[in-house]
N, C-alpha and C. Protein backbone atom coordinates (compact mmCIF):
# COMPACT_ATOMS: atom_id res chain seq x y z
N MET A 1 -31.28 43.57 51.86
CA MET A 1 -31.01 44.15 50.55
C MET A 1 -31.02 43.04 49.51
N MET A 2 -31.70 43.30 48.44
CA MET A 2 -31.84 42.30 47.38
C MET A 2 -31.04 42.74 46.16
N THR A 3 -30.23 41.83 45.61
CA THR A 3 -29.43 42.14 44.43
C THR A 3 -29.98 41.36 43.25
N LEU A 4 -30.21 42.05 42.18
CA LEU A 4 -30.66 41.39 40.96
C LEU A 4 -29.49 41.20 40.03
N ILE A 5 -29.39 40.04 39.47
CA ILE A 5 -28.31 39.73 38.53
C ILE A 5 -28.94 39.50 37.17
N LYS A 6 -28.49 40.26 36.22
CA LYS A 6 -29.00 40.11 34.86
C LYS A 6 -28.10 39.13 34.12
N GLN A 7 -28.70 38.10 33.58
CA GLN A 7 -27.93 37.15 32.79
C GLN A 7 -27.88 37.62 31.35
N HIS A 8 -26.70 37.60 30.79
CA HIS A 8 -26.52 37.97 29.39
C HIS A 8 -26.45 36.69 28.57
N THR A 9 -27.19 36.65 27.52
CA THR A 9 -27.12 35.50 26.63
C THR A 9 -26.67 35.98 25.27
N ALA A 10 -25.71 35.28 24.73
CA ALA A 10 -25.19 35.64 23.41
C ALA A 10 -26.16 35.18 22.34
N PRO A 11 -26.30 35.98 21.29
CA PRO A 11 -27.16 35.54 20.19
C PRO A 11 -26.59 34.28 19.53
N LYS A 12 -27.48 33.44 19.02
CA LYS A 12 -27.08 32.18 18.42
C LYS A 12 -26.01 32.33 17.34
N PRO A 13 -26.11 33.31 16.42
CA PRO A 13 -25.05 33.43 15.40
C PRO A 13 -23.66 33.67 16.00
N LEU A 14 -23.60 34.42 17.09
CA LEU A 14 -22.32 34.67 17.75
C LEU A 14 -21.76 33.38 18.34
N LEU A 15 -22.61 32.60 19.00
CA LEU A 15 -22.17 31.32 19.56
C LEU A 15 -21.74 30.36 18.46
N ASP A 16 -22.48 30.33 17.37
CA ASP A 16 -22.11 29.47 16.24
C ASP A 16 -20.74 29.83 15.69
N GLU A 17 -20.50 31.13 15.54
CA GLU A 17 -19.21 31.58 15.01
C GLU A 17 -18.08 31.26 15.98
N ALA A 18 -18.31 31.48 17.26
CA ALA A 18 -17.29 31.18 18.27
C ALA A 18 -16.99 29.68 18.30
N PHE A 19 -18.04 28.89 18.20
CA PHE A 19 -17.90 27.45 18.19
C PHE A 19 -17.04 27.00 17.01
N GLN A 20 -17.28 27.58 15.84
CA GLN A 20 -16.53 27.24 14.63
C GLN A 20 -15.05 27.61 14.78
N VAL A 21 -14.78 28.77 15.34
CA VAL A 21 -13.39 29.21 15.55
C VAL A 21 -12.68 28.25 16.50
N LEU A 22 -13.36 27.87 17.57
CA LEU A 22 -12.77 26.92 18.51
C LEU A 22 -12.50 25.58 17.86
N LEU A 23 -13.45 25.09 17.08
CA LEU A 23 -13.25 23.82 16.39
C LEU A 23 -12.04 23.86 15.47
N GLU A 24 -11.91 24.93 14.73
CA GLU A 24 -10.81 25.05 13.77
C GLU A 24 -9.45 25.16 14.46
N ASN A 25 -9.42 25.79 15.63
CA ASN A 25 -8.15 26.04 16.29
C ASN A 25 -7.80 25.05 17.39
N LEU A 26 -8.80 24.49 18.04
CA LEU A 26 -8.54 23.56 19.14
C LEU A 26 -8.85 22.11 18.80
N GLY A 27 -9.67 21.90 17.79
CA GLY A 27 -10.12 20.55 17.48
C GLY A 27 -11.37 20.22 18.26
N ALA A 28 -12.00 19.14 17.86
CA ALA A 28 -13.28 18.77 18.44
C ALA A 28 -13.19 18.41 19.93
N GLU A 29 -12.19 17.66 20.30
CA GLU A 29 -12.10 17.16 21.67
C GLU A 29 -11.88 18.30 22.66
N LYS A 30 -10.93 19.18 22.36
CA LYS A 30 -10.65 20.29 23.28
C LYS A 30 -11.79 21.31 23.30
N THR A 31 -12.43 21.50 22.16
CA THR A 31 -13.58 22.40 22.11
C THR A 31 -14.70 21.89 23.00
N THR A 32 -14.95 20.60 22.94
CA THR A 32 -15.99 20.00 23.78
C THR A 32 -15.64 20.13 25.26
N GLN A 33 -14.37 19.92 25.59
CA GLN A 33 -13.93 20.08 26.98
C GLN A 33 -14.15 21.51 27.46
N LEU A 34 -13.74 22.47 26.64
CA LEU A 34 -13.89 23.88 27.02
C LEU A 34 -15.36 24.23 27.18
N TRP A 35 -16.18 23.80 26.24
CA TRP A 35 -17.62 24.08 26.30
C TRP A 35 -18.19 23.55 27.61
N SER A 36 -17.74 22.36 28.01
CA SER A 36 -18.22 21.74 29.24
C SER A 36 -17.78 22.53 30.46
N VAL A 37 -16.51 22.93 30.49
CA VAL A 37 -15.97 23.68 31.62
C VAL A 37 -16.67 25.03 31.77
N LEU A 38 -16.92 25.69 30.66
CA LEU A 38 -17.56 27.00 30.70
C LEU A 38 -19.05 26.92 30.96
N GLY A 39 -19.60 25.73 30.79
CA GLY A 39 -21.03 25.58 31.01
C GLY A 39 -21.88 26.28 29.97
N VAL A 40 -21.37 26.36 28.76
CA VAL A 40 -22.09 27.03 27.69
C VAL A 40 -23.37 26.25 27.38
N PRO A 41 -24.48 26.93 27.37
CA PRO A 41 -25.75 26.24 27.13
C PRO A 41 -25.96 25.91 25.66
N SER A 42 -25.41 24.80 25.23
CA SER A 42 -25.54 24.46 23.82
C SER A 42 -26.19 23.10 23.61
N GLY A 43 -26.75 22.55 24.65
CA GLY A 43 -27.35 21.23 24.52
C GLY A 43 -26.35 20.15 24.90
N ASP A 44 -26.70 18.94 24.57
CA ASP A 44 -25.81 17.85 24.92
C ASP A 44 -25.07 17.34 23.68
N TYR A 45 -24.17 16.42 23.92
CA TYR A 45 -23.31 15.88 22.87
C TYR A 45 -24.11 15.35 21.69
N VAL A 46 -25.21 14.67 21.97
CA VAL A 46 -26.01 14.08 20.90
C VAL A 46 -26.47 15.15 19.91
N ASN A 47 -26.75 16.33 20.43
CA ASN A 47 -27.24 17.40 19.57
C ASN A 47 -26.14 18.15 18.82
N ILE A 48 -24.91 18.14 19.34
CA ILE A 48 -23.84 18.90 18.68
C ILE A 48 -22.84 18.04 17.93
N ARG A 49 -22.95 16.73 18.02
CA ARG A 49 -21.93 15.87 17.42
C ARG A 49 -21.87 15.99 15.90
N LYS A 50 -22.99 16.22 15.25
CA LYS A 50 -22.96 16.37 13.79
C LYS A 50 -22.09 17.55 13.39
N GLU A 51 -22.18 18.63 14.13
CA GLU A 51 -21.35 19.81 13.84
C GLU A 51 -19.89 19.54 14.20
N LEU A 52 -19.66 18.85 15.30
CA LEU A 52 -18.29 18.55 15.72
C LEU A 52 -17.52 17.75 14.68
N PHE A 53 -18.20 16.81 14.07
CA PHE A 53 -17.52 15.87 13.18
C PHE A 53 -17.88 16.05 11.71
N LYS A 54 -18.52 17.15 11.38
CA LYS A 54 -18.94 17.42 10.01
C LYS A 54 -17.73 17.42 9.07
N GLY A 55 -17.84 16.67 7.98
CA GLY A 55 -16.79 16.64 6.97
C GLY A 55 -15.60 15.76 7.31
N LYS A 56 -15.68 15.01 8.39
CA LYS A 56 -14.56 14.16 8.79
C LYS A 56 -14.97 12.70 8.65
N ASP A 57 -14.10 11.93 8.01
CA ASP A 57 -14.38 10.50 7.90
C ASP A 57 -13.70 9.77 9.06
N ILE A 58 -13.90 8.49 9.12
CA ILE A 58 -13.38 7.70 10.24
C ILE A 58 -11.85 7.72 10.30
N ASP A 59 -11.19 7.77 9.12
CA ASP A 59 -9.73 7.81 9.11
C ASP A 59 -9.21 9.13 9.71
N THR A 60 -9.84 10.23 9.35
CA THR A 60 -9.45 11.53 9.89
C THR A 60 -9.64 11.57 11.39
N LEU A 61 -10.79 11.10 11.86
CA LEU A 61 -11.05 11.08 13.29
C LEU A 61 -10.06 10.19 14.02
N SER A 62 -9.74 9.05 13.44
CA SER A 62 -8.79 8.14 14.06
C SER A 62 -7.42 8.79 14.21
N LYS A 63 -6.97 9.51 13.17
CA LYS A 63 -5.68 10.20 13.23
C LYS A 63 -5.69 11.28 14.31
N GLU A 64 -6.80 12.04 14.41
CA GLU A 64 -6.90 13.08 15.43
C GLU A 64 -6.86 12.48 16.83
N ILE A 65 -7.55 11.37 17.02
CA ILE A 65 -7.58 10.71 18.33
C ILE A 65 -6.19 10.20 18.69
N THR A 66 -5.52 9.56 17.73
CA THR A 66 -4.17 9.04 17.97
C THR A 66 -3.21 10.17 18.30
N LYS A 67 -3.28 11.25 17.55
CA LYS A 67 -2.41 12.41 17.79
C LYS A 67 -2.67 12.99 19.18
N PHE A 68 -3.93 13.15 19.54
CA PHE A 68 -4.27 13.69 20.86
C PHE A 68 -3.78 12.80 21.99
N ASN A 69 -3.94 11.50 21.84
CA ASN A 69 -3.55 10.58 22.90
C ASN A 69 -2.04 10.49 23.10
N ARG A 70 -1.28 10.91 22.11
CA ARG A 70 0.19 10.87 22.24
C ARG A 70 0.73 12.08 22.96
N LYS A 71 -0.08 13.10 23.14
CA LYS A 71 0.38 14.33 23.82
C LYS A 71 0.55 14.11 25.30
């Protein structure tokens, strides 16, 4: 007996919106971890880093890293 499995792929706008919600609520580091664990097909870090860090300067990133590392 052969079983066929249909893969569902979310449309890009839905993934973009979900990604934005995760970034706003979890931050860049946790969002990246979750994306990795779920195996979401979004490319590699080099391709998504601009979106991850958009609008953040080095001081903001440094504060987020320090805050995260203290947890």
